[in-house]
Amino acid sequence: MIELKDVHKAFGSNRVLRGVNLTIPSATSMVIIGGSGTGKSVALKCVLGLVRPDSGLITLDGKDVTKGDRDAFLARFGMLFQGGALFDSLPVWQNVAFRLLRGSLKRPKAEAREIAIEKLRRVGLKPEQADLFPAELSGGMQKRVGLARAIAAEPEIIFFDEPTTGLDPIMAGVINDLIREIVTEMGATAMTITHDMTSVRAIADNVAMLHDGVIQWTGPVSEMDTSGDPYLAQFITGSPEGPIEAVR
């Protein structure tokens, strides 16, 4: 469904992506792993068109993502942001229904609220919490609101940017389980970037290891531990010894 072919991106002299090749089949969950600053977020932004690659091709269903109706293209995506990215001045339900209250996906306000409350239920939040403001929620609850917003418009493709950052292990486990359940139920194509190996094992069908601007290894999550790839082995074990240099 999504394909990156020899994608390059540099910022000045900093060559972040140096020929990324990656295929994400429809209705599967791909998790991209790698250390901080390796280009995971840049790759995601290139797919969304927020950053334009210097060279290479990114396609969605075989069509160049840089061409065609931009609004129609973005309407196919949902996104769970790393920091939640909720609007402090809006109540929870309006955060969830944000896309349903404006633009090409606009619905009547009452209908948008009803959909928002249903999505909040899906992620384990109660209807009475719909009228609270984000500041009145815990970090884990805010992450659930972000997840409800990501799925509110029934997107075909969902991006998850470090979905468990800042959460305790139990809440991280809850979010991982929710992501897996929702992606499976919706039949959505998912792309996640993370360095949390617990998340990888919980939500991935396939894994791609991004290092030094290229995909060093990609394959089913079931083959991750026996890949034989030194970069992947060092990353998943957290060893300071190996081809990935630890910054001291």
C-alpha atoms as a PDB file:
ATOM      1  CA  MET A   1       0.000   0.000   0.000  1.00  0.00           C
ATOM      2  CA  ILE A   2       2.883   2.349   0.869  1.00  0.00           C
ATOM      3  CA  GLU A   3       6.228   2.107  -0.867  1.00  0.00           C
ATOM      4  CA  LEU A   4       9.426   4.114  -0.503  1.00  0.00           C
ATOM      5  CA  LYS A   5      11.960   3.733  -3.308  1.00  0.00           C
ATOM      6  CA  ASP A   6      15.497   5.065  -2.897  1.00  0.00           C
ATOM      7  CA  VAL A   7      14.318   8.031  -0.796  1.00  0.00           C
ATOM      8  CA  HIS A   8      16.953  10.618   0.104  1.00  0.00           C
ATOM      9  CA  LYS A   9      16.603  13.665   2.356  1.00  0.00           C
ATOM     10  CA  ALA A  10      19.249  16.035   3.653  1.00  0.00           C
ATOM     11  CA  PHE A  11      19.077  19.160   5.760  1.00  0.00           C
ATOM     12  CA  GLY A  12      22.115  21.145   4.742  1.00  0.00           C
ATOM     13  CA  SER A  13      25.110  18.871   5.164  1.00  0.00           C
ATOM     14  CA  ASN A  14      23.159  16.440   7.359  1.00  0.00           C
ATOM     15  CA  ARG A  15      22.155  13.512   5.140  1.00  0.00           C
ATOM     16  CA  VAL A  16      19.307  11.973   7.117  1.00  0.00           C
ATOM     17  CA  LEU A  17      17.823   9.536   4.595  1.00  0.00           C
ATOM     18  CA  ARG A  18      20.347   7.991   2.234  1.00  0.00           C
ATOM     19  CA  GLY A  19      18.322   5.694   0.031  1.00  0.00           C
ATOM     20  CA  VAL A  20      15.434   4.264   2.029  1.00  0.00           C
ATOM     21  CA  ASN A  21      13.601   1.348   0.431  1.00  0.00           C
ATOM     22  CA  LEU A  22      10.542   0.022   2.246  1.00  0.00           C
ATOM     23  CA  THR A  23       7.243  -1.653   1.364  1.00  0.00           C
ATOM     24  CA  ILE A  24       4.240  -1.675   3.703  1.00  0.00           C
ATOM     25  CA  PRO A  25       1.544  -4.108   2.523  1.00  0.00           C
ATOM     26  CA  SER A  26      -2.125  -3.229   2.949  1.00  0.00           C
ATOM     27  CA  ALA A  27      -3.781  -4.111   6.286  1.00  0.00           C
ATOM     28  CA  THR A  28      -0.487  -4.851   8.023  1.00  0.00           C
ATOM     29  CA  SER A  29       1.315  -3.202  10.917  1.00  0.00           C
ATOM     30  CA  MET A  30       4.857  -2.018  10.132  1.00  0.00           C
ATOM     31  CA  VAL A  31       7.059  -0.765  12.961  1.00  0.00           C
ATOM     32  CA  ILE A  32      10.183   1.234  12.149  1.00  0.00           C
ATOM     33  CA  ILE A  33      12.828   1.089  14.851  1.00  0.00           C
ATOM     34  CA  GLY A  34      16.137   2.857  15.276  1.00  0.00           C
ATOM     35  CA  GLY A  35      17.979   5.185  17.602  1.00  0.00           C
ATOM     36  CA  SER A  36      17.168   8.833  18.168  1.00  0.00           C
ATOM     37  CA  GLY A  37      18.086  11.018  15.212  1.00  0.00           C
ATOM     38  CA  THR A  38      18.223   8.174  12.683  1.00  0.00           C
ATOM     39  CA  GLY A  39      15.474   9.610  10.486  1.00  0.00           C
ATOM     40  CA  LYS A  40      12.357   7.713  11.580  1.00  0.00           C
ATOM     41  CA  SER A  41      10.259  10.858  11.952  1.00  0.00           C
ATOM     42  CA  VAL A  42      11.644  12.329   8.728  1.00  0.00           C
ATOM     43  CA  ALA A  43      10.590   9.194   6.854  1.00  0.00           C
ATOM     44  CA  LEU A  44       7.085   9.466   8.288  1.00  0.00           C
ATOM     45  CA  LYS A  45       6.859  13.162   7.385  1.00  0.00           C
ATOM     46  CA  CYS A  46       7.987  12.362   3.849  1.00  0.00           C
ATOM     47  CA  VAL A  47       5.132   9.866   3.460  1.00  0.00           C
ATOM     48  CA  LEU A  48       2.647  12.478   4.692  1.00  0.00           C
ATOM     49  CA  GLY A  49       4.108  15.117   2.407  1.00  0.00           C
ATOM     50  CA  LEU A  50       5.113  17.380   5.298  1.00  0.00           C
ATOM     51  CA  VAL A  51       8.712  17.060   4.101  1.00  0.00           C
ATOM     52  CA  ARG A  52       9.584  16.679   0.416  1.00  0.00           C
ATOM     53  CA  PRO A  53      12.360  14.154  -0.341  1.00  0.00           C
ATOM     54  CA  ASP A  54      15.366  15.391  -2.288  1.00  0.00           C
ATOM     55  CA  SER A  55      15.098  12.352  -4.542  1.00  0.00           C
ATOM     56  CA  GLY A  56      13.374   8.988  -4.753  1.00  0.00           C
ATOM     57  CA  LEU A  57       9.704   8.077  -4.945  1.00  0.00           C
ATOM     58  CA  ILE A  58       6.993   7.470  -2.345  1.00  0.00           C
ATOM     59  CA  THR A  59       3.743   5.906  -3.522  1.00  0.00           C
ATOM     60  CA  LEU A  60       0.370   5.156  -1.978  1.00  0.00           C
ATOM     61  CA  ASP A  61      -1.534   2.494  -3.909  1.00  0.00           C
ATOM     62  CA  GLY A  62       1.015   2.991  -6.680  1.00  0.00           C
ATOM     63  CA  LYS A  63       0.428   6.737  -6.985  1.00  0.00           C
ATOM     64  CA  ASP A  64       3.027   9.416  -6.217  1.00  0.00           C
ATOM     65  CA  VAL A  65       2.096  11.000  -2.865  1.00  0.00           C
ATOM     66  CA  THR A  66       3.270  14.436  -4.042  1.00  0.00           C
ATOM     67  CA  LYS A  67       0.631  14.577  -6.792  1.00  0.00           C
ATOM     68  CA  GLY A  68      -3.161  14.718  -6.841  1.00  0.00           C
ATOM     69  CA  ASP A  69      -5.776  16.113  -4.455  1.00  0.00           C
ATOM     70  CA  ARG A  70      -3.970  16.908  -1.205  1.00  0.00           C
ATOM     71  CA  ASP A  71      -7.116  17.020   0.971  1.00  0.00           C
ATOM     72  CA  ALA A  72      -8.361  13.691  -0.373  1.00  0.00           C
ATOM     73  CA  PHE A  73      -4.913  12.197   0.249  1.00  0.00           C
ATOM     74  CA  LEU A  74      -4.718  13.363   3.873  1.00  0.00           C
ATOM     75  CA  ALA A  75      -8.309  12.255   4.561  1.00  0.00           C
ATOM     76  CA  ARG A  76      -7.078   8.663   4.273  1.00  0.00           C
ATOM     77  CA  PHE A  77      -4.748   9.054   7.271  1.00  0.00           C
ATOM     78  CA  GLY A  78      -5.086   9.114  11.025  1.00  0.00           C
ATOM     79  CA  MET A  79      -2.243  10.083  13.368  1.00  0.00           C
ATOM     80  CA  LEU A  80      -1.368   9.515  17.010  1.00  0.00           C
ATOM     81  CA  PHE A  81       1.258  12.116  17.921  1.00  0.00           C
ATOM     82  CA  GLN A  82       4.101  11.478  20.327  1.00  0.00           C
ATOM     83  CA  GLY A  83       3.130  14.189  22.797  1.00  0.00           C
ATOM     84  CA  GLY A  84      -0.615  13.760  22.386  1.00  0.00           C
ATOM     85  CA  ALA A  85      -0.871  17.170  20.665  1.00  0.00           C
ATOM     86  CA  LEU A  86      -4.318  17.844  22.089  1.00  0.00           C
ATOM     87  CA  PHE A  87      -5.817  21.322  21.918  1.00  0.00           C
ATOM     88  CA  ASP A  88      -5.868  22.646  25.493  1.00  0.00           C
ATOM     89  CA  SER A  89      -8.707  25.079  24.780  1.00  0.00           C
ATOM     90  CA  LEU A  90     -11.086  22.426  23.411  1.00  0.00           C
ATOM     91  CA  PRO A  91     -13.000  19.847  25.435  1.00  0.00           C
ATOM     92  CA  VAL A  92     -12.094  16.217  24.912  1.00  0.00           C
ATOM     93  CA  TRP A  93     -14.918  15.424  22.502  1.00  0.00           C
ATOM     94  CA  GLN A  94     -14.036  18.337  20.223  1.00  0.00           C
ATOM     95  CA  ASN A  95     -10.429  17.153  20.176  1.00  0.00           C
ATOM     96  CA  VAL A  96     -11.585  13.698  19.090  1.00  0.00           C
ATOM     97  CA  ALA A  97     -14.010  15.118  16.514  1.00  0.00           C
ATOM     98  CA  PHE A  98     -11.621  17.812  15.264  1.00  0.00           C
ATOM     99  CA  ARG A  99     -11.574  16.555  11.651  1.00  0.00           C
ATOM    100  CA  LEU A 100     -15.314  15.887  11.715  1.00  0.00           C
ATOM    101  CA  LEU A 101     -16.108  19.508  12.574  1.00  0.00           C
ATOM    102  CA  ARG A 102     -14.344  21.073   9.598  1.00  0.00           C
ATOM    103  CA  GLY A 103     -13.124  20.527   6.056  1.00  0.00           C
ATOM    104  CA  SER A 104     -14.165  17.816   3.623  1.00  0.00           C
ATOM    105  CA  LEU A 105     -15.102  15.385   6.418  1.00  0.00           C
ATOM    106  CA  LYS A 106     -17.413  17.843   8.181  1.00  0.00           C
ATOM    107  CA  ARG A 107     -20.439  16.380   9.965  1.00  0.00           C
ATOM    108  CA  PRO A 108     -23.278  18.054  11.903  1.00  0.00           C
ATOM    109  CA  LYS A 109     -22.103  18.958  15.387  1.00  0.00           C
ATOM    110  CA  ALA A 110     -24.457  16.530  17.152  1.00  0.00           C
ATOM    111  CA  GLU A 111     -23.344  13.668  14.907  1.00  0.00           C
ATOM    112  CA  ALA A 112     -19.666  14.537  15.393  1.00  0.00           C
ATOM    113  CA  ARG A 113     -20.146  14.504  19.174  1.00  0.00           C
ATOM    114  CA  GLU A 114     -21.883  11.128  19.013  1.00  0.00           C
ATOM    115  CA  ILE A 115     -19.024   9.652  16.970  1.00  0.00           C
ATOM    116  CA  ALA A 116     -16.469  11.151  19.376  1.00  0.00           C
ATOM    117  CA  ILE A 117     -18.169   9.611  22.413  1.00  0.00           C
ATOM    118  CA  GLU A 118     -18.304   6.223  20.684  1.00  0.00           C
ATOM    119  CA  LYS A 119     -14.565   6.398  19.869  1.00  0.00           C
ATOM    120  CA  LEU A 120     -13.845   7.428  23.466  1.00  0.00           C
ATOM    121  CA  ARG A 121     -15.741   4.356  24.640  1.00  0.00           C
ATOM    122  CA  ARG A 122     -13.636   2.265  22.271  1.00  0.00           C
ATOM    123  CA  VAL A 123     -10.449   3.374  24.006  1.00  0.00           C
ATOM    124  CA  GLY A 124     -11.867   2.880  27.491  1.00  0.00           C
ATOM    125  CA  LEU A 125     -13.018   6.401  28.384  1.00  0.00           C
ATOM    126  CA  LYS A 126     -16.470   7.257  29.724  1.00  0.00           C
ATOM    127  CA  PRO A 127     -19.019   9.593  28.083  1.00  0.00           C
ATOM    128  CA  GLU A 128     -18.854  11.982  31.041  1.00  0.00           C
ATOM    129  CA  GLN A 129     -15.160  12.542  30.318  1.00  0.00           C
ATOM    130  CA  ALA A 130     -16.047  13.951  26.888  1.00  0.00           C
ATOM    131  CA  ASP A 131     -16.690  17.416  28.307  1.00  0.00           C
ATOM    132  CA  LEU A 132     -13.495  17.615  30.354  1.00  0.00           C
ATOM    133  CA  PHE A 133     -10.461  19.518  29.112  1.00  0.00           C
ATOM    134  CA  PRO A 134      -7.131  17.779  28.402  1.00  0.00           C
ATOM    135  CA  ALA A 135      -5.489  19.349  31.476  1.00  0.00           C
ATOM    136  CA  GLU A 136      -8.021  17.490  33.635  1.00  0.00           C
ATOM    137  CA  LEU A 137      -6.815  14.102  32.352  1.00  0.00           C
ATOM    138  CA  SER A 138      -3.817  11.957  33.248  1.00  0.00           C
ATOM    139  CA  GLY A 139      -1.075  11.347  30.696  1.00  0.00           C
ATOM    140  CA  GLY A 140      -2.433   7.897  29.894  1.00  0.00           C
ATOM    141  CA  MET A 141      -5.952   9.245  29.400  1.00  0.00           C
ATOM    142  CA  GLN A 142      -4.645  11.987  27.123  1.00  0.00           C
ATOM    143  CA  LYS A 143      -2.919   9.338  25.026  1.00  0.00           C
ATOM    144  CA  ARG A 144      -6.217   7.472  24.762  1.00  0.00           C
ATOM    145  CA  VAL A 145      -7.934  10.666  23.601  1.00  0.00           C
ATOM    146  CA  GLY A 146      -5.228  11.033  20.960  1.00  0.00           C
ATOM    147  CA  LEU A 147      -5.882   7.462  19.838  1.00  0.00           C
ATOM    148  CA  ALA A 148      -9.642   8.111  19.691  1.00  0.00           C
ATOM    149  CA  ARG A 149      -8.962  11.166  17.512  1.00  0.00           C
ATOM    150  CA  ALA A 150      -6.708   9.130  15.224  1.00  0.00           C
ATOM    151  CA  ILE A 151      -9.511   6.668  14.465  1.00  0.00           C
ATOM    152  CA  ALA A 152     -12.496   9.073  14.550  1.00  0.00           C
ATOM    153  CA  ALA A 153     -12.730   9.436  10.765  1.00  0.00           C
ATOM    154  CA  GLU A 154     -12.233   5.684  10.120  1.00  0.00           C
ATOM    155  CA  PRO A 155      -8.916   6.155   8.276  1.00  0.00           C
ATOM    156  CA  GLU A 156      -7.394   3.511   6.024  1.00  0.00           C
ATOM    157  CA  ILE A 157      -3.888   4.257   7.291  1.00  0.00           C
ATOM    158  CA  ILE A 158      -2.825   5.154  10.831  1.00  0.00           C
ATOM    159  CA  PHE A 159       0.557   6.511  11.899  1.00  0.00           C
ATOM    160  CA  PHE A 160       1.756   6.121  15.474  1.00  0.00           C
ATOM    161  CA  ASP A 161       4.672   8.325  16.558  1.00  0.00           C
ATOM    162  CA  GLU A 162       6.305   6.889  19.711  1.00  0.00           C
ATOM    163  CA  PRO A 163       2.884   5.857  21.102  1.00  0.00           C
ATOM    164  CA  THR A 164       4.110   4.875  24.591  1.00  0.00           C
ATOM    165  CA  THR A 165       6.512   7.742  25.315  1.00  0.00           C
ATOM    166  CA  GLY A 166       6.078   9.101  28.839  1.00  0.00           C
ATOM    167  CA  LEU A 167       3.798   6.302  30.022  1.00  0.00           C
ATOM    168  CA  ASP A 168       4.408   3.870  32.881  1.00  0.00           C
ATOM    169  CA  PRO A 169       4.846   0.195  31.843  1.00  0.00           C
ATOM    170  CA  ILE A 170       1.269  -0.796  32.693  1.00  0.00           C
ATOM    171  CA  MET A 171      -0.336   2.074  30.771  1.00  0.00           C
ATOM    172  CA  ALA A 172       2.091   1.497  27.909  1.00  0.00           C
ATOM    173  CA  GLY A 173       0.863  -2.092  27.780  1.00  0.00           C
ATOM    174  CA  VAL A 174      -2.749  -0.897  27.702  1.00  0.00           C
ATOM    175  CA  ILE A 175      -2.015   1.473  24.793  1.00  0.00           C
ATOM    176  CA  ASN A 176      -0.134  -1.244  22.895  1.00  0.00           C
ATOM    177  CA  ASP A 177      -3.063  -3.645  23.285  1.00  0.00           C
ATOM    178  CA  LEU A 178      -5.531  -0.969  22.153  1.00  0.00           C
ATOM    179  CA  ILE A 179      -3.460  -0.158  19.082  1.00  0.00           C
ATOM    180  CA  ARG A 180      -3.227  -3.816  18.107  1.00  0.00           C
ATOM    181  CA  GLU A 181      -6.953  -4.412  18.624  1.00  0.00           C
ATOM    182  CA  ILE A 182      -8.045  -1.294  16.756  1.00  0.00           C
ATOM    183  CA  VAL A 183      -5.741  -1.829  13.778  1.00  0.00           C
ATOM    184  CA  THR A 184      -6.958  -5.422  13.482  1.00  0.00           C
ATOM    185  CA  GLU A 185     -10.647  -4.483  13.839  1.00  0.00           C
ATOM    186  CA  MET A 186     -10.438  -1.668  11.299  1.00  0.00           C
ATOM    187  CA  GLY A 187      -8.314  -3.606   8.830  1.00  0.00           C
ATOM    188  CA  ALA A 188      -6.121  -0.517   8.699  1.00  0.00           C
ATOM    189  CA  THR A 189      -2.570  -0.238   7.475  1.00  0.00           C
ATOM    190  CA  ALA A 190      -0.372   0.955  10.339  1.00  0.00           C
ATOM    191  CA  MET A 191       3.060   2.566  10.419  1.00  0.00           C
ATOM    192  CA  THR A 192       4.650   3.071  13.831  1.00  0.00           C
ATOM    193  CA  ILE A 193       7.968   4.628  14.757  1.00  0.00           C
ATOM    194  CA  THR A 194       9.391   3.716  18.144  1.00  0.00           C
ATOM    195  CA  HIS A 195      12.445   2.593  20.059  1.00  0.00           C
ATOM    196  CA  ASP A 196      10.339   0.740  22.657  1.00  0.00           C
ATOM    197  CA  MET A 197      10.937  -2.957  21.981  1.00  0.00           C
ATOM    198  CA  THR A 198       7.933  -3.957  24.100  1.00  0.00           C
ATOM    199  CA  SER A 199       5.725  -1.950  21.726  1.00  0.00           C
ATOM    200  CA  VAL A 200       7.406  -3.557  18.737  1.00  0.00           C
ATOM    201  CA  ARG A 201       6.603  -7.066  19.929  1.00  0.00           C
ATOM    202  CA  ALA A 202       3.039  -6.112  20.841  1.00  0.00           C
ATOM    203  CA  ILE A 203       1.906  -4.304  17.696  1.00  0.00           C
ATOM    204  CA  ALA A 204       4.159  -5.274  14.760  1.00  0.00           C
ATOM    205  CA  ASP A 205       3.513  -7.664  11.919  1.00  0.00           C
ATOM    206  CA  ASN A 206       6.722  -6.528  10.262  1.00  0.00           C
ATOM    207  CA  VAL A 207       9.750  -4.596  11.500  1.00  0.00           C
ATOM    208  CA  ALA A 208      12.227  -2.334   9.703  1.00  0.00           C
ATOM    209  CA  MET A 209      15.513  -1.254  11.268  1.00  0.00           C
ATOM    210  CA  LEU A 210      16.557   2.237  10.136  1.00  0.00           C
ATOM    211  CA  HIS A 211      20.176   3.183  10.740  1.00  0.00           C
ATOM    212  CA  ASP A 212      22.628   5.491   9.014  1.00  0.00           C
ATOM    213  CA  GLY A 213      19.961   6.619   6.578  1.00  0.00           C
ATOM    214  CA  VAL A 214      19.015   3.215   5.172  1.00  0.00           C
ATOM    215  CA  ILE A 215      16.894   0.216   6.131  1.00  0.00           C
ATOM    216  CA  GLN A 216      19.450  -2.207   7.562  1.00  0.00           C
ATOM    217  CA  TRP A 217      16.967  -5.070   7.978  1.00  0.00           C
ATOM    218  CA  THR A 218      13.283  -5.699   7.434  1.00  0.00           C
ATOM    219  CA  GLY A 219      11.145  -8.754   7.992  1.00  0.00           C
ATOM    220  CA  PRO A 220       8.421 -10.375  10.110  1.00  0.00           C
ATOM    221  CA  VAL A 221       8.554  -9.619  13.826  1.00  0.00           C
ATOM    222  CA  SER A 222       8.767 -13.380  14.431  1.00  0.00           C
ATOM    223  CA  GLU A 223      12.192 -13.395  12.733  1.00  0.00           C
ATOM    224  CA  MET A 224      13.565 -10.364  14.541  1.00  0.00           C
ATOM    225  CA  ASP A 225      15.452 -12.247  17.267  1.00  0.00           C
ATOM    226  CA  THR A 226      17.090 -14.673  14.847  1.00  0.00           C
ATOM    227  CA  SER A 227      17.821 -12.233  12.009  1.00  0.00           C
ATOM    228  CA  GLY A 228      21.592 -12.496  12.258  1.00  0.00           C
ATOM    229  CA  ASP A 229      21.819  -8.782  11.481  1.00  0.00           C
ATOM    230  CA  PRO A 230      24.397  -7.158  13.800  1.00  0.00           C
ATOM    231  CA  TYR A 231      22.682  -3.745  13.817  1.00  0.00           C
ATOM    232  CA  LEU A 232      19.302  -5.212  14.737  1.00  0.00           C
ATOM    233  CA  ALA A 233      20.790  -7.576  17.311  1.00  0.00           C
ATOM    234  CA  GLN A 234      22.623  -4.758  19.063  1.00  0.00           C
ATOM    235  CA  PHE A 235      19.545  -2.530  19.084  1.00  0.00           C
ATOM    236  CA  ILE A 236      17.091  -5.055  20.481  1.00  0.00           C
ATOM    237  CA  THR A 237      19.497  -6.198  23.211  1.00  0.00           C
ATOM    238  CA  GLY A 238      20.632  -2.676  24.079  1.00  0.00           C
ATOM    239  CA  SER A 239      24.270  -3.722  24.009  1.00  0.00           C
ATOM    240  CA  PRO A 240      26.906  -0.953  23.964  1.00  0.00           C
ATOM    241  CA  GLU A 241      29.083  -3.249  21.845  1.00  0.00           C
ATOM    242  CA  GLY A 242      28.425  -3.566  18.132  1.00  0.00           C
ATOM    243  CA  PRO A 243      28.361  -1.668  14.838  1.00  0.00           C
ATOM    244  CA  ILE A 244      26.149   1.119  16.248  1.00  0.00           C
ATOM    245  CA  GLU A 245      28.393   3.610  18.006  1.00  0.00           C
ATOM    246  CA  ALA A 246      27.124   4.747  21.388  1.00  0.00           C
ATOM    247  CA  VAL A 247      27.388   8.524  21.894  1.00  0.00           C
ATOM    248  CA  ARG A 248      29.381   9.069  25.076  1.00  0.00           C
END
